[in-house]
C-alpha atoms as a PDB file:
ATOM      1  CA  MET A   1     -71.416  41.840 -53.463  1.00  0.00           C
ATOM      2  CA  LEU A   2     -67.938  43.165 -52.701  1.00  0.00           C
ATOM      3  CA  ARG A   3     -65.931  44.159 -55.787  1.00  0.00           C
ATOM      4  CA  ILE A   4     -62.206  44.693 -55.294  1.00  0.00           C
ATOM      5  CA  THR A   5     -60.007  46.337 -57.935  1.00  0.00           C
ATOM      6  CA  SER A   6     -56.215  46.381 -57.778  1.00  0.00           C
ATOM      7  CA  PRO A   7     -54.580  49.813 -57.336  1.00  0.00           C
ATOM      8  CA  ASN A   8     -53.626  50.119 -61.017  1.00  0.00           C
ATOM      9  CA  GLY A   9     -56.793  48.502 -62.344  1.00  0.00           C
ATOM     10  CA  LYS A  10     -55.095  45.480 -63.906  1.00  0.00           C
ATOM     11  CA  SER A  11     -57.076  42.901 -61.935  1.00  0.00           C
ATOM     12  CA  GLN A  12     -60.462  42.700 -60.266  1.00  0.00           C
ATOM     13  CA  CYS A  13     -62.425  40.199 -58.197  1.00  0.00           C
ATOM     14  CA  ASP A  14     -66.003  39.788 -56.960  1.00  0.00           C
ATOM     15  CA  VAL A  15     -66.938  38.273 -53.604  1.00  0.00           C
ATOM     16  CA  HIS A  16     -70.576  37.546 -52.814  1.00  0.00           C
ATOM     17  CA  LEU A  17     -71.645  38.117 -49.220  1.00  0.00           C
ATOM     18  CA  HIS A  18     -73.504  34.811 -49.393  1.00  0.00           C
ATOM     19  CA  GLY A  19     -70.812  32.353 -48.318  1.00  0.00           C
ATOM     20  CA  ALA A  20     -68.002  34.926 -48.754  1.00  0.00           C
ATOM     21  CA  HIS A  21     -67.953  33.246 -52.138  1.00  0.00           C
ATOM     22  CA  LEU A  22     -65.447  34.478 -54.727  1.00  0.00           C
ATOM     23  CA  THR A  23     -67.192  34.266 -58.105  1.00  0.00           C
ATOM     24  CA  SER A  24     -64.754  36.126 -60.355  1.00  0.00           C
ATOM     25  CA  TYR A  25     -61.055  36.943 -60.621  1.00  0.00           C
ATOM     26  CA  ARG A  26     -60.185  38.826 -63.800  1.00  0.00           C
ATOM     27  CA  CYS A  27     -56.640  39.589 -64.920  1.00  0.00           C
ATOM     28  CA  THR A  28     -55.141  41.496 -67.816  1.00  0.00           C
ATOM     29  CA  SER A  29     -53.030  39.251 -70.019  1.00  0.00           C
ATOM     30  CA  PRO A  30     -49.774  40.569 -71.511  1.00  0.00           C
ATOM     31  CA  ASN A  31     -50.014  42.502 -74.779  1.00  0.00           C
ATOM     32  CA  SER A  32     -53.791  42.641 -74.510  1.00  0.00           C
ATOM     33  CA  SER A  33     -55.571  45.765 -75.720  1.00  0.00           C
ATOM     34  CA  GLU A  34     -58.486  44.899 -73.426  1.00  0.00           C
ATOM     35  CA  ALA A  35     -58.233  45.257 -69.655  1.00  0.00           C
ATOM     36  CA  LEU A  36     -59.429  42.434 -67.383  1.00  0.00           C
ATOM     37  CA  ASN A  37     -59.727  40.064 -70.342  1.00  0.00           C
ATOM     38  CA  ASP A  38     -58.757  36.808 -68.583  1.00  0.00           C
ATOM     39  CA  GLU A  39     -61.328  35.254 -66.243  1.00  0.00           C
ATOM     40  CA  VAL A  40     -59.568  32.744 -63.998  1.00  0.00           C
ATOM     41  CA  ILE A  41     -62.586  31.436 -62.085  1.00  0.00           C
ATOM     42  CA  PHE A  42     -65.383  29.191 -63.390  1.00  0.00           C
ATOM     43  CA  VAL A  43     -69.018  29.647 -62.326  1.00  0.00           C
ATOM     44  CA  SER A  44     -71.758  27.618 -63.967  1.00  0.00           C
ATOM     45  CA  GLU A  45     -74.363  29.601 -65.889  1.00  0.00           C
ATOM     46  CA  LYS A  46     -76.945  27.465 -64.061  1.00  0.00           C
ATOM     47  CA  ALA A  47     -75.564  28.221 -60.589  1.00  0.00           C
ATOM     48  CA  ILE A  48     -78.270  28.922 -58.008  1.00  0.00           C
ATOM     49  CA  PHE A  49     -77.901  32.132 -55.997  1.00  0.00           C
ATOM     50  CA  ALA A  50     -80.309  31.568 -53.093  1.00  0.00           C
ATOM     51  CA  THR A  51     -80.447  31.551 -49.292  1.00  0.00           C
ATOM     52  CA  ASP A  52     -79.040  28.356 -47.728  1.00  0.00           C
ATOM     53  CA  LYS A  53     -77.743  27.135 -51.117  1.00  0.00           C
ATOM     54  CA  ALA A  54     -74.099  26.793 -52.165  1.00  0.00           C
ATOM     55  CA  ILE A  55     -73.100  28.518 -55.409  1.00  0.00           C
ATOM     56  CA  ARG A  56     -71.868  26.088 -58.085  1.00  0.00           C
ATOM     57  CA  GLY A  57     -68.366  27.194 -59.033  1.00  0.00           C
ATOM     58  CA  GLY A  58     -66.146  30.023 -57.848  1.00  0.00           C
ATOM     59  CA  VAL A  59     -64.342  29.462 -54.554  1.00  0.00           C
ATOM     60  CA  PRO A  60     -66.647  27.965 -51.915  1.00  0.00           C
ATOM     61  CA  ILE A  61     -65.197  27.934 -48.392  1.00  0.00           C
ATOM     62  CA  CYS A  62     -65.526  24.468 -46.872  1.00  0.00           C
ATOM     63  CA  PHE A  63     -65.640  25.024 -43.098  1.00  0.00           C
ATOM     64  CA  PRO A  64     -65.677  23.759 -40.364  1.00  0.00           C
ATOM     65  CA  GLN A  65     -65.172  20.542 -42.237  1.00  0.00           C
ATOM     66  CA  PHE A  66     -64.236  19.315 -45.680  1.00  0.00           C
ATOM     67  CA  SER A  67     -66.608  16.700 -47.107  1.00  0.00           C
ATOM     68  CA  ASP A  68     -67.452  14.361 -44.226  1.00  0.00           C
ATOM     69  CA  LYS A  69     -64.153  14.947 -42.385  1.00  0.00           C
ATOM     70  CA  GLY A  70     -65.744  16.130 -39.162  1.00  0.00           C
ATOM     71  CA  PRO A  71     -68.713  15.760 -36.816  1.00  0.00           C
ATOM     72  CA  LEU A  72     -71.293  17.553 -38.960  1.00  0.00           C
ATOM     73  CA  SER A  73     -73.943  15.812 -41.040  1.00  0.00           C
ATOM     74  CA  MET A  74     -73.644  18.539 -43.685  1.00  0.00           C
ATOM     75  CA  SER A  75     -70.929  17.864 -46.274  1.00  0.00           C
ATOM     76  CA  HIS A  76     -68.377  20.693 -46.487  1.00  0.00           C
ATOM     77  CA  GLY A  77     -69.845  22.434 -43.436  1.00  0.00           C
ATOM     78  CA  PHE A  78     -72.037  25.540 -43.447  1.00  0.00           C
ATOM     79  CA  ALA A  79     -69.747  28.530 -44.097  1.00  0.00           C
ATOM     80  CA  ARG A  80     -70.509  28.525 -47.839  1.00  0.00           C
ATOM     81  CA  ASN A  81     -74.272  28.529 -47.167  1.00  0.00           C
ATOM     82  CA  VAL A  82     -74.649  31.551 -44.879  1.00  0.00           C
ATOM     83  CA  LEU A  83     -74.268  35.308 -44.979  1.00  0.00           C
ATOM     84  CA  TRP A  84     -71.000  37.106 -44.301  1.00  0.00           C
ATOM     85  CA  GLU A  85     -70.528  40.851 -43.759  1.00  0.00           C
ATOM     86  CA  VAL A  86     -67.834  43.263 -44.917  1.00  0.00           C
ATOM     87  CA  VAL A  87     -65.946  44.541 -41.866  1.00  0.00           C
ATOM     88  CA  ASP A  88     -63.035  46.330 -43.523  1.00  0.00           C
ATOM     89  CA  GLN A  89     -61.897  47.555 -46.933  1.00  0.00           C
ATOM     90  CA  LYS A  90     -58.623  49.294 -47.758  1.00  0.00           C
ATOM     91  CA  ILE A  91     -56.919  50.489 -50.936  1.00  0.00           C
ATOM     92  CA  GLY A  92     -53.153  50.948 -50.743  1.00  0.00           C
ATOM     93  CA  SER A  93     -50.475  51.798 -53.246  1.00  0.00           C
ATOM     94  CA  LEU A  94     -49.668  48.116 -53.922  1.00  0.00           C
ATOM     95  CA  GLU A  95     -52.776  46.147 -52.940  1.00  0.00           C
ATOM     96  CA  SER A  96     -56.492  46.420 -52.278  1.00  0.00           C
ATOM     97  CA  VAL A  97     -57.848  44.451 -49.331  1.00  0.00           C
ATOM     98  CA  GLY A  98     -61.346  43.447 -48.273  1.00  0.00           C
ATOM     99  CA  THR A  99     -62.200  41.579 -45.057  1.00  0.00           C
ATOM    100  CA  LEU A 100     -65.428  39.655 -44.489  1.00  0.00           C
ATOM    101  CA  LYS A 101     -66.714  38.032 -41.308  1.00  0.00           C
ATOM    102  CA  MET A 102     -69.179  35.168 -41.032  1.00  0.00           C
ATOM    103  CA  ILE A 103     -72.341  36.147 -39.184  1.00  0.00           C
ATOM    104  CA  LYS A 104     -73.317  34.599 -35.852  1.00  0.00           C
ATOM    105  CA  SER A 105     -76.349  32.390 -35.407  1.00  0.00           C
ATOM    106  CA  GLY A 106     -78.441  35.255 -34.015  1.00  0.00           C
ATOM    107  CA  ALA A 107     -78.229  37.039 -37.376  1.00  0.00           C
ATOM    108  CA  TYR A 108     -79.108  33.965 -39.444  1.00  0.00           C
ATOM    109  CA  ARG A 109     -82.269  34.522 -41.512  1.00  0.00           C
ATOM    110  CA  GLY A 110     -82.373  31.272 -43.466  1.00  0.00           C
ATOM    111  CA  GLN A 111     -84.893  28.464 -43.123  1.00  0.00           C
ATOM    112  CA  ASN A 112     -82.607  25.473 -42.598  1.00  0.00           C
ATOM    113  CA  LYS A 113     -82.878  24.332 -38.961  1.00  0.00           C
ATOM    114  CA  ASP A 114     -79.772  22.147 -39.254  1.00  0.00           C
ATOM    115  CA  ILE A 115     -77.686  25.118 -40.396  1.00  0.00           C
ATOM    116  CA  ALA A 116     -79.102  27.255 -37.574  1.00  0.00           C
ATOM    117  CA  LYS A 117     -78.121  24.684 -34.962  1.00  0.00           C
ATOM    118  CA  MET A 118     -74.640  24.163 -36.406  1.00  0.00           C
ATOM    119  CA  MET A 119     -74.018  27.910 -36.473  1.00  0.00           C
ATOM    120  CA  ALA A 120     -75.063  28.208 -32.818  1.00  0.00           C
ATOM    121  CA  ASP A 121     -72.638  25.438 -31.883  1.00  0.00           C
ATOM    122  CA  TYR A 122     -69.786  27.357 -33.526  1.00  0.00           C
ATOM    123  CA  ASP A 123     -70.643  30.850 -32.251  1.00  0.00           C
ATOM    124  CA  GLY A 124     -67.511  30.667 -30.102  1.00  0.00           C
ATOM    125  CA  LEU A 125     -65.355  31.177 -33.203  1.00  0.00           C
ATOM    126  CA  ASP A 126     -64.889  34.354 -35.226  1.00  0.00           C
ATOM    127  CA  VAL A 127     -64.315  33.406 -38.866  1.00  0.00           C
ATOM    128  CA  PHE A 128     -62.876  35.857 -41.411  1.00  0.00           C
ATOM    129  CA  LEU A 129     -61.996  35.837 -45.106  1.00  0.00           C
ATOM    130  CA  ILE A 130     -59.306  38.342 -46.082  1.00  0.00           C
ATOM    131  CA  VAL A 131     -58.996  39.017 -49.820  1.00  0.00           C
ATOM    132  CA  SER A 132     -55.872  40.873 -50.996  1.00  0.00           C
ATOM    133  CA  LEU A 133     -55.538  41.859 -54.634  1.00  0.00           C
ATOM    134  CA  THR A 134     -52.531  43.252 -56.513  1.00  0.00           C
ATOM    135  CA  ASP A 135     -52.083  43.750 -60.233  1.00  0.00           C
ATOM    136  CA  ASN A 136     -50.322  40.379 -60.359  1.00  0.00           C
ATOM    137  CA  HIS A 137     -51.960  38.029 -57.863  1.00  0.00           C
ATOM    138  CA  LEU A 138     -54.903  37.272 -55.579  1.00  0.00           C
ATOM    139  CA  ASP A 139     -54.435  36.163 -51.957  1.00  0.00           C
ATOM    140  CA  MET A 140     -57.264  34.576 -49.977  1.00  0.00           C
ATOM    141  CA  SER A 141     -56.776  33.999 -46.251  1.00  0.00           C
ATOM    142  CA  LEU A 142     -59.089  32.110 -43.916  1.00  0.00           C
ATOM    143  CA  LYS A 143     -58.685  33.335 -40.334  1.00  0.00           C
ATOM    144  CA  VAL A 144     -60.299  31.529 -37.389  1.00  0.00           C
ATOM    145  CA  VAL A 145     -60.150  33.117 -33.928  1.00  0.00           C
ATOM    146  CA  ASP A 146     -61.251  31.875 -30.514  1.00  0.00           C
ATOM    147  CA  ALA A 147     -63.821  34.535 -29.595  1.00  0.00           C
ATOM    148  CA  THR A 148     -64.321  33.204 -26.043  1.00  0.00           C
ATOM    149  CA  ASN A 149     -60.711  33.101 -24.811  1.00  0.00           C
ATOM    150  CA  GLY A 150     -61.112  29.411 -24.155  1.00  0.00           C
ATOM    151  CA  GLN A 151     -64.397  29.704 -22.276  1.00  0.00           C
ATOM    152  CA  SER A 152     -66.624  27.993 -24.836  1.00  0.00           C
ATOM    153  CA  THR A 153     -68.731  25.225 -23.294  1.00  0.00           C
ATOM    154  CA  ASN A 154     -68.147  22.968 -26.320  1.00  0.00           C
ATOM    155  CA  TRP A 155     -64.498  23.860 -26.911  1.00  0.00           C
ATOM    156  CA  ASP A 156     -63.464  20.264 -27.604  1.00  0.00           C
ATOM    157  CA  VAL A 157     -65.815  20.214 -30.610  1.00  0.00           C
ATOM    158  CA  ILE A 158     -65.249  23.630 -32.191  1.00  0.00           C
ATOM    159  CA  SER A 159     -61.480  23.782 -31.633  1.00  0.00           C
ATOM    160  CA  SER A 160     -60.898  20.933 -34.102  1.00  0.00           C
ATOM    161  CA  PHE A 161     -61.758  21.512 -37.742  1.00  0.00           C
ATOM    162  CA  THR A 162     -60.809  20.897 -41.353  1.00  0.00           C
ATOM    163  CA  PHE A 163     -61.228  23.328 -44.245  1.00  0.00           C
ATOM    164  CA  ALA A 164     -60.638  23.913 -47.941  1.00  0.00           C
ATOM    165  CA  PHE A 165     -60.790  26.588 -50.598  1.00  0.00           C
ATOM    166  CA  HIS A 166     -62.831  24.589 -53.140  1.00  0.00           C
ATOM    167  CA  ASN A 167     -61.397  26.383 -56.206  1.00  0.00           C
ATOM    168  CA  TYR A 168     -63.104  26.011 -59.597  1.00  0.00           C
ATOM    169  CA  PHE A 169     -60.716  27.212 -62.303  1.00  0.00           C
ATOM    170  CA  ARG A 170     -61.834  28.141 -65.811  1.00  0.00           C
ATOM    171  CA  ILE A 171     -60.078  26.394 -68.674  1.00  0.00           C
ATOM    172  CA  GLY A 172     -60.755  26.206 -72.398  1.00  0.00           C
ATOM    173  CA  ASP A 173     -60.958  22.416 -72.725  1.00  0.00           C
ATOM    174  CA  ILE A 174     -60.250  19.803 -70.041  1.00  0.00           C
ATOM    175  CA  ARG A 175     -58.796  17.524 -72.705  1.00  0.00           C
ATOM    176  CA  LYS A 176     -56.133  20.103 -73.569  1.00  0.00           C
ATOM    177  CA  ALA A 177     -55.058  20.828 -70.006  1.00  0.00           C
ATOM    178  CA  HIS A 178     -52.959  19.132 -67.361  1.00  0.00           C
ATOM    179  CA  ILE A 179     -51.883  19.844 -63.794  1.00  0.00           C
ATOM    180  CA  ASP A 180     -48.264  19.992 -62.719  1.00  0.00           C
ATOM    181  CA  GLY A 181     -46.558  20.591 -59.402  1.00  0.00           C
ATOM    182  CA  VAL A 182     -48.839  18.469 -57.243  1.00  0.00           C
ATOM    183  CA  HIS A 183     -46.036  15.917 -56.951  1.00  0.00           C
ATOM    184  CA  ASN A 184     -44.298  18.560 -54.809  1.00  0.00           C
ATOM    185  CA  ASN A 185     -40.784  17.350 -55.639  1.00  0.00           C
ATOM    186  CA  HIS A 186     -41.490  13.817 -54.402  1.00  0.00           C
ATOM    187  CA  HIS A 187     -40.392  10.828 -56.499  1.00  0.00           C
ATOM    188  CA  HIS A 188     -43.851   9.427 -55.812  1.00  0.00           C
ATOM    189  CA  VAL A 189     -47.168  10.837 -54.661  1.00  0.00           C
ATOM    190  CA  GLN A 190     -49.756   9.451 -52.286  1.00  0.00           C
ATOM    191  CA  TYR A 191     -53.442  10.235 -52.537  1.00  0.00           C
ATOM    192  CA  VAL A 192     -56.848   9.051 -51.412  1.00  0.00           C
ATOM    193  CA  ASP A 193     -58.838   8.029 -54.484  1.00  0.00           C
ATOM    194  CA  LYS A 194     -62.486   8.681 -53.625  1.00  0.00           C
ATOM    195  CA  ILE A 195     -63.585   7.143 -56.935  1.00  0.00           C
ATOM    196  CA  ASN A 196     -61.915   3.883 -55.893  1.00  0.00           C
ATOM    197  CA  LYS A 197     -63.577   3.350 -52.477  1.00  0.00           C
ATOM    198  CA  SER A 198     -61.203   5.887 -50.871  1.00  0.00           C
ATOM    199  CA  ALA A 199     -58.227   3.623 -51.458  1.00  0.00           C
ATOM    200  CA  THR A 200     -54.807   5.124 -50.733  1.00  0.00           C
ATOM    201  CA  ILE A 201     -52.785   5.112 -53.954  1.00  0.00           C
ATOM    202  CA  ILE A 202     -49.038   5.516 -54.392  1.00  0.00           C
ATOM    203  CA  ALA A 203     -48.123   6.616 -57.910  1.00  0.00           C
ATOM    204  CA  PRO A 204     -45.151   8.087 -59.796  1.00  0.00           C
ATOM    205  CA  SER A 205     -44.773  11.856 -59.784  1.00  0.00           C
ATOM    206  CA  GLU A 206     -45.977  13.082 -63.140  1.00  0.00           C
ATOM    207  CA  PRO A 207     -48.394  15.651 -64.606  1.00  0.00           C
ATOM    208  CA  ILE A 208     -52.067  14.910 -63.991  1.00  0.00           C
ATOM    209  CA  VAL A 209     -54.097  14.438 -67.173  1.00  0.00           C
ATOM    210  CA  ILE A 210     -57.858  14.201 -66.698  1.00  0.00           C
ATOM    211  CA  SER A 211     -59.772  11.962 -69.098  1.00  0.00           C
ATOM    212  CA  GLU A 212     -62.446  10.623 -66.725  1.00  0.00           C
ATOM    213  CA  GLU A 213     -64.004  11.392 -63.372  1.00  0.00           C
ATOM    214  CA  VAL A 214     -61.374  12.235 -60.780  1.00  0.00           C
ATOM    215  CA  ASP A 215     -61.640  12.947 -57.040  1.00  0.00           C
ATOM    216  CA  ARG A 216     -58.319  12.771 -55.211  1.00  0.00           C
ATOM    217  CA  VAL A 217     -56.974  14.119 -51.924  1.00  0.00           C
ATOM    218  CA  TYR A 218     -53.185  14.362 -52.112  1.00  0.00           C
ATOM    219  CA  LEU A 219     -51.430  13.585 -48.833  1.00  0.00           C
ATOM    220  CA  ASP A 220     -48.242  14.543 -46.976  1.00  0.00           C
ATOM    221  CA  MET A 221     -47.378  17.573 -49.101  1.00  0.00           C
ATOM    222  CA  LEU A 222     -44.210  19.536 -48.324  1.00  0.00           C
ATOM    223  CA  ASP A 223     -43.406  23.240 -48.677  1.00  0.00           C
ATOM    224  CA  ASP A 224     -43.429  24.984 -50.983  1.00  0.00           C
ATOM    225  CA  ILE A 225     -46.548  23.760 -52.748  1.00  0.00           C
ATOM    226  CA  ARG A 226     -47.228  25.252 -56.171  1.00  0.00           C
ATOM    227  CA  SER A 227     -49.865  23.560 -58.293  1.00  0.00           C
ATOM    228  CA  VAL A 228     -49.936  24.693 -61.919  1.00  0.00           C
ATOM    229  CA  ILE A 229     -52.822  24.228 -64.342  1.00  0.00           C
ATOM    230  CA  VAL A 230     -51.399  24.245 -67.870  1.00  0.00           C
ATOM    231  CA  ASP A 231     -54.094  25.211 -70.373  1.00  0.00           C
ATOM    232  CA  GLU A 232     -53.103  24.650 -74.009  1.00  0.00           C
ATOM    233  CA  SER A 233     -56.566  25.146 -75.482  1.00  0.00           C
ATOM    234  CA  GLY A 234     -55.868  28.647 -76.793  1.00  0.00           C
ATOM    235  CA  ASP A 235     -53.839  29.682 -79.834  1.00  0.00           C
ATOM    236  CA  SER A 236     -50.704  27.701 -80.638  1.00  0.00           C
ATOM    237  CA  HIS A 237     -48.435  30.627 -79.793  1.00  0.00           C
ATOM    238  CA  THR A 238     -49.360  30.944 -76.105  1.00  0.00           C
ATOM    239  CA  THR A 239     -49.784  28.588 -73.160  1.00  0.00           C
ATOM    240  CA  ARG A 240     -51.867  29.899 -70.275  1.00  0.00           C
ATOM    241  CA  GLU A 241     -51.025  28.790 -66.753  1.00  0.00           C
ATOM    242  CA  ILE A 242     -52.883  29.190 -63.464  1.00  0.00           C
ATOM    243  CA  HIS A 243     -50.636  28.983 -60.411  1.00  0.00           C
ATOM    244  CA  ILE A 244     -51.947  28.079 -56.952  1.00  0.00           C
ATOM    245  CA  ASP A 245     -49.530  28.491 -54.017  1.00  0.00           C
ATOM    246  CA  GLN A 246     -50.009  27.253 -50.452  1.00  0.00           C
ATOM    247  CA  GLN A 247     -47.967  26.487 -47.333  1.00  0.00           C
ATOM    248  CA  ALA A 248     -47.994  22.947 -45.945  1.00  0.00           C
ATOM    249  CA  ASN A 249     -47.859  24.035 -42.303  1.00  0.00           C
ATOM    250  CA  THR A 250     -51.424  25.437 -42.594  1.00  0.00           C
ATOM    251  CA  ALA A 251     -52.820  23.700 -45.699  1.00  0.00           C
ATOM    252  CA  GLN A 252     -51.153  20.362 -46.271  1.00  0.00           C
ATOM    253  CA  ASN A 253     -53.503  18.895 -48.844  1.00  0.00           C
ATOM    254  CA  VAL A 254     -54.385  19.406 -52.506  1.00  0.00           C
ATOM    255  CA  VAL A 255     -57.650  18.095 -53.945  1.00  0.00           C
ATOM    256  CA  VAL A 256     -58.099  17.494 -57.681  1.00  0.00           C
ATOM    257  CA  TRP A 257     -61.709  17.065 -58.807  1.00  0.00           C
ATOM    258  CA  ASN A 258     -63.772  16.895 -61.975  1.00  0.00           C
ATOM    259  CA  LEU A 259     -67.129  15.105 -62.003  1.00  0.00           C
ATOM    260  CA  TRP A 260     -66.936  14.271 -65.742  1.00  0.00           C
ATOM    261  CA  GLN A 261     -69.666  13.772 -68.276  1.00  0.00           C
ATOM    262  CA  GLU A 262     -72.262  11.438 -66.786  1.00  0.00           C
ATOM    263  CA  LYS A 263     -72.490  13.077 -63.371  1.00  0.00           C
ATOM    264  CA  CYS A 264     -72.435  16.541 -64.909  1.00  0.00           C
ATOM    265  CA  LYS A 265     -75.583  15.706 -66.895  1.00  0.00           C
ATOM    266  CA  LYS A 266     -77.401  14.914 -63.643  1.00  0.00           C
ATOM    267  CA  MET A 267     -76.520  18.164 -61.863  1.00  0.00           C
ATOM    268  CA  ALA A 268     -79.387  20.650 -61.689  1.00  0.00           C
ATOM    269  CA  ASP A 269     -76.990  23.583 -61.333  1.00  0.00           C
ATOM    270  CA  MET A 270     -74.627  22.674 -64.175  1.00  0.00           C
ATOM    271  CA  LYS A 271     -74.925  22.503 -67.946  1.00  0.00           C
ATOM    272  CA  PRO A 272     -74.155  19.083 -69.493  1.00  0.00           C
ATOM    273  CA  GLU A 273     -70.922  20.347 -71.062  1.00  0.00           C
ATOM    274  CA  ASP A 274     -69.643  22.252 -68.011  1.00  0.00           C
ATOM    275  CA  TYR A 275     -67.224  19.477 -67.022  1.00  0.00           C
ATOM    276  CA  GLU A 276     -65.112  20.433 -70.057  1.00  0.00           C
ATOM    277  CA  LYS A 277     -64.661  24.016 -68.882  1.00  0.00           C
ATOM    278  CA  PHE A 278     -63.244  23.698 -65.381  1.00  0.00           C
ATOM    279  CA  VAL A 279     -60.999  21.785 -63.070  1.00  0.00           C
ATOM    280  CA  CYS A 280     -60.998  22.006 -59.293  1.00  0.00           C
ATOM    281  CA  VAL A 281     -57.573  22.288 -57.672  1.00  0.00           C
ATOM    282  CA  GLU A 282     -58.396  22.812 -54.030  1.00  0.00           C
ATOM    283  CA  VAL A 283     -56.255  23.997 -51.126  1.00  0.00           C
ATOM    284  CA  GLY A 284     -56.942  22.798 -47.608  1.00  0.00           C
ATOM    285  CA  GLN A 285     -56.139  21.016 -44.362  1.00  0.00           C
ATOM    286  CA  ILE A 286     -58.077  17.780 -44.685  1.00  0.00           C
ATOM    287  CA  GLN A 287     -55.867  14.856 -43.760  1.00  0.00           C
ATOM    288  CA  THR A 288     -55.205  15.978 -40.155  1.00  0.00           C
ATOM    289  CA  PRO A 289     -57.612  18.357 -38.373  1.00  0.00           C
ATOM    290  CA  ILE A 290     -56.391  21.707 -37.123  1.00  0.00           C
ATOM    291  CA  LYS A 291     -56.292  22.038 -33.332  1.00  0.00           C
ATOM    292  CA  LEU A 292     -56.960  25.627 -32.293  1.00  0.00           C
ATOM    293  CA  GLU A 293     -55.403  26.686 -29.002  1.00  0.00           C
ATOM    294  CA  LYS A 294     -57.514  28.437 -26.389  1.00  0.00           C
ATOM    295  CA  GLY A 295     -57.381  32.170 -27.048  1.00  0.00           C
ATOM    296  CA  GLY A 296     -55.517  31.488 -30.281  1.00  0.00           C
ATOM    297  CA  GLU A 297     -56.039  31.964 -33.994  1.00  0.00           C
ATOM    298  CA  PHE A 298     -55.392  30.073 -37.210  1.00  0.00           C
ATOM    299  CA  VAL A 299     -54.610  31.592 -40.610  1.00  0.00           C
ATOM    300  CA  ALA A 300     -54.181  29.808 -43.943  1.00  0.00           C
ATOM    301  CA  THR A 301     -53.537  31.563 -47.255  1.00  0.00           C
ATOM    302  CA  GLN A 302     -53.639  30.602 -50.899  1.00  0.00           C
ATOM    303  CA  ARG A 303     -52.199  32.719 -53.718  1.00  0.00           C
ATOM    304  CA  ILE A 304     -53.609  32.546 -57.255  1.00  0.00           C
ATOM    305  CA  TYR A 305     -52.189  34.126 -60.397  1.00  0.00           C
ATOM    306  CA  SER A 306     -52.045  33.653 -64.150  1.00  0.00           C
ATOM    307  CA  ALA A 307     -48.924  33.323 -66.270  1.00  0.00           C
ATOM    308  CA  TYR A 308     -48.522  33.174 -70.022  1.00  0.00           C
ATOM    309  CA  LYS A 309     -45.771  31.422 -71.981  1.00  0.00           C
ATOM    310  CA  ASN A 310     -44.878  32.364 -75.522  1.00  0.00           C
ATOM    311  CA  ASN A 311     -44.445  29.218 -77.623  1.00  0.00           C
ATOM    312  CA  SER A 312     -43.297  31.021 -80.768  1.00  0.00           C
ATOM    313  CA  LYS A 313     -39.924  29.960 -82.093  1.00  0.00           C
ATOM    314  CA  LEU A 314     -37.513  32.706 -83.098  1.00  0.00           C
END
């Protein structure tokens, strides 16, 4: 595991080498006597940490496809299921940075033949996760580089991909939270409703309140995109917010997901009540695949940070 601490010790994050999977981002809330007291990321207590398995919660990296949006039979691709290695770590005066690289197929030691074949097909790409941490925010960047200078024999396949940071955010109670900002300054929003046979829905721009299963891919987002989870489950004097920033030119889509009560009960790697404690607000390029140029690279970044609003009246 790679643990990164901000230069002044006010925030800290953990990244597992399995899947380059962020499993913790801890901040220090204002006026707190305890450092690193606010955990932003949700991981199920029943999550399975095992070779070839995806960890339930945290920030899985969906690559080289999101869900079934690509040629692979494996939903969300294989990046979250395989080992990554730390290739660089730096501590500066303002930020601490760790860089991980996905292994090639020759270094794969798992038992899943499908994963082994998929990795071999994509050996022509170098895939990195760059994690930058300051006292105030966490940046995660996915970087994809053509490692063959356009000489890959299956370039047409590997040069087109979708991806997502499948963020699980910790909240106190899903019924006392809502999501703002996804409307992105539109008068209306458009999304694919995967609960409703993937119908495309046009709806008024308004905060998203979750009271049942939800699985939506928001379309045609414009810069600047700032999704805000408003968590009012704490004391009446303070509202906790989680901000998620992204740029539409590299990550045009936002996914909002919660599996709700009935499906949660059936999950082997979740407790029955876990659906109450998280919401997924995901950042990615899903609607239109990325087209990597020969010899080129692609970089997409999300920024995550907490904010706290004082509700006390003077």
